[in-house]
Protein backbone atom coordinates (compact mmCIF):
# COMPACT_ATOMS: atom_id res chain seq x y z
CA UNK A 1 282.10 -73.45 107.63
CA UNK A 2 281.34 -74.90 104.20
CA UNK A 3 281.18 -78.42 105.65
CA UNK A 4 278.73 -77.26 108.30
CA UNK A 5 276.49 -75.66 105.67
CA UNK A 6 276.52 -78.85 103.58
CA UNK A 7 275.76 -80.95 106.68
CA UNK A 8 272.83 -78.70 107.64
CA UNK A 9 271.54 -78.75 104.06
CA UNK A 10 271.82 -82.54 103.88
CA UNK A 11 270.09 -83.26 107.19
CA UNK A 12 267.82 -80.24 107.58
CA UNK A 13 264.88 -81.99 105.91
CA UNK A 14 264.47 -84.00 109.11
CA UNK A 15 263.15 -80.94 110.99
CA UNK A 16 260.01 -80.42 108.88
CA UNK A 17 259.52 -84.20 108.74
CA UNK A 18 259.62 -84.34 112.53
CA UNK A 19 257.18 -81.42 112.76
CA UNK A 20 254.81 -83.26 110.40
CA UNK A 21 254.92 -86.47 112.43
CA UNK A 22 254.52 -84.52 115.65
CA UNK A 23 251.51 -82.68 114.22
CA UNK A 24 249.80 -85.90 113.14
CA UNK A 25 250.47 -87.49 116.53
CA UNK A 26 249.06 -84.40 118.25
CA UNK A 27 245.81 -84.59 116.30
CA UNK A 28 245.48 -88.25 117.23
CA UNK A 29 246.03 -87.42 120.88
CA UNK A 30 244.03 -84.17 121.07
CA UNK A 31 241.12 -84.78 118.73
CA UNK A 32 240.74 -88.40 117.64
CA UNK A 33 241.18 -90.01 121.04
CA UNK A 34 238.55 -87.79 122.77
CA UNK A 35 236.12 -88.51 119.91
CA UNK A 36 236.60 -92.24 120.39
CA UNK A 37 235.86 -91.85 124.10
CA UNK A 38 232.70 -89.88 123.36
CA UNK A 39 234.09 -86.47 124.29
CA UNK A 40 234.29 -83.24 122.34
CA UNK A 41 237.73 -81.99 121.33
CA UNK A 42 238.27 -78.26 121.63
CA UNK A 43 241.11 -77.52 119.21
CA UNK A 44 241.01 -75.00 116.42
CA UNK A 45 244.58 -75.47 115.14
CA UNK A 46 244.61 -77.16 111.69
CA UNK A 47 246.89 -80.08 112.58
CA UNK A 48 246.32 -82.05 109.37
CA UNK A 49 246.94 -79.05 107.11
CA UNK A 50 250.07 -78.08 109.02
CA UNK A 51 251.36 -81.66 109.00
CA UNK A 52 250.70 -81.98 105.27
CA UNK A 53 252.62 -78.78 104.55
CA UNK A 54 255.51 -79.94 106.73
CA UNK A 55 255.66 -83.28 104.88
CA UNK A 56 255.56 -81.48 101.51
CA UNK A 57 258.43 -79.18 102.52
CA UNK A 58 260.37 -82.12 103.93
CA UNK A 59 260.06 -84.28 100.81
CA UNK A 60 260.85 -81.36 98.50
CA UNK A 61 263.95 -80.64 100.59
CA UNK A 62 264.93 -84.33 100.54
CA UNK A 63 264.53 -84.46 96.76
CA UNK A 64 266.78 -81.40 96.46
CA UNK A 65 269.41 -83.07 98.66
CA UNK A 66 269.29 -86.25 96.56
CA UNK A 67 269.70 -84.26 93.33
CA UNK A 68 272.57 -82.27 94.85
CA UNK A 69 274.49 -85.36 95.98
CA UNK A 70 273.77 -87.20 92.73
CA UNK A 71 275.21 -84.26 90.82
CA UNK A 72 278.25 -84.12 93.09
CA UNK A 73 278.99 -87.86 93.07
CA UNK A 74 278.15 -88.71 89.45
CA UNK A 75 281.60 -87.73 88.09
CA UNK A 76 283.30 -89.98 90.65
CA UNK A 77 281.09 -92.95 89.81
CA UNK A 78 281.51 -92.44 86.07
CA UNK A 79 285.29 -92.04 86.39
CA UNK A 80 285.50 -95.27 88.37
CA UNK A 81 283.36 -97.09 85.80
CA UNK A 82 285.61 -95.88 82.96
CA UNK A 83 288.70 -96.96 84.88
CA UNK A 84 287.29 -100.48 85.33
CA UNK A 85 286.17 -101.05 81.72
CA UNK A 86 289.69 -101.36 80.18
CA UNK A 87 290.53 -104.06 82.73
CA UNK A 88 287.52 -106.09 81.68
CA UNK A 89 288.40 -105.88 77.97
CA UNK A 90 291.99 -107.01 78.55
CA UNK A 91 290.85 -110.18 80.29
CA UNK A 92 288.68 -111.16 77.36
CA UNK A 93 285.37 -110.66 79.14
């Protein structure tokens, strides 16, 4: 169960990112394209505002995931670096 929660936390930022991309593509299809053809779009949903909020949530979530995994993996990287340093000093490097 813990692994599932970590997996959902690590990949969940893709959902708001997808919603943001989908929102921007919808505004292009529903409002920009009819304007280019000389028509009048009839949408009142704020696609750009919604897409911007989705991107903001997505990037904040991604930053949180990066900080989490950096915090989790830093001791392993530092321990490996400390284990390698004595080998380099014994060879005269």
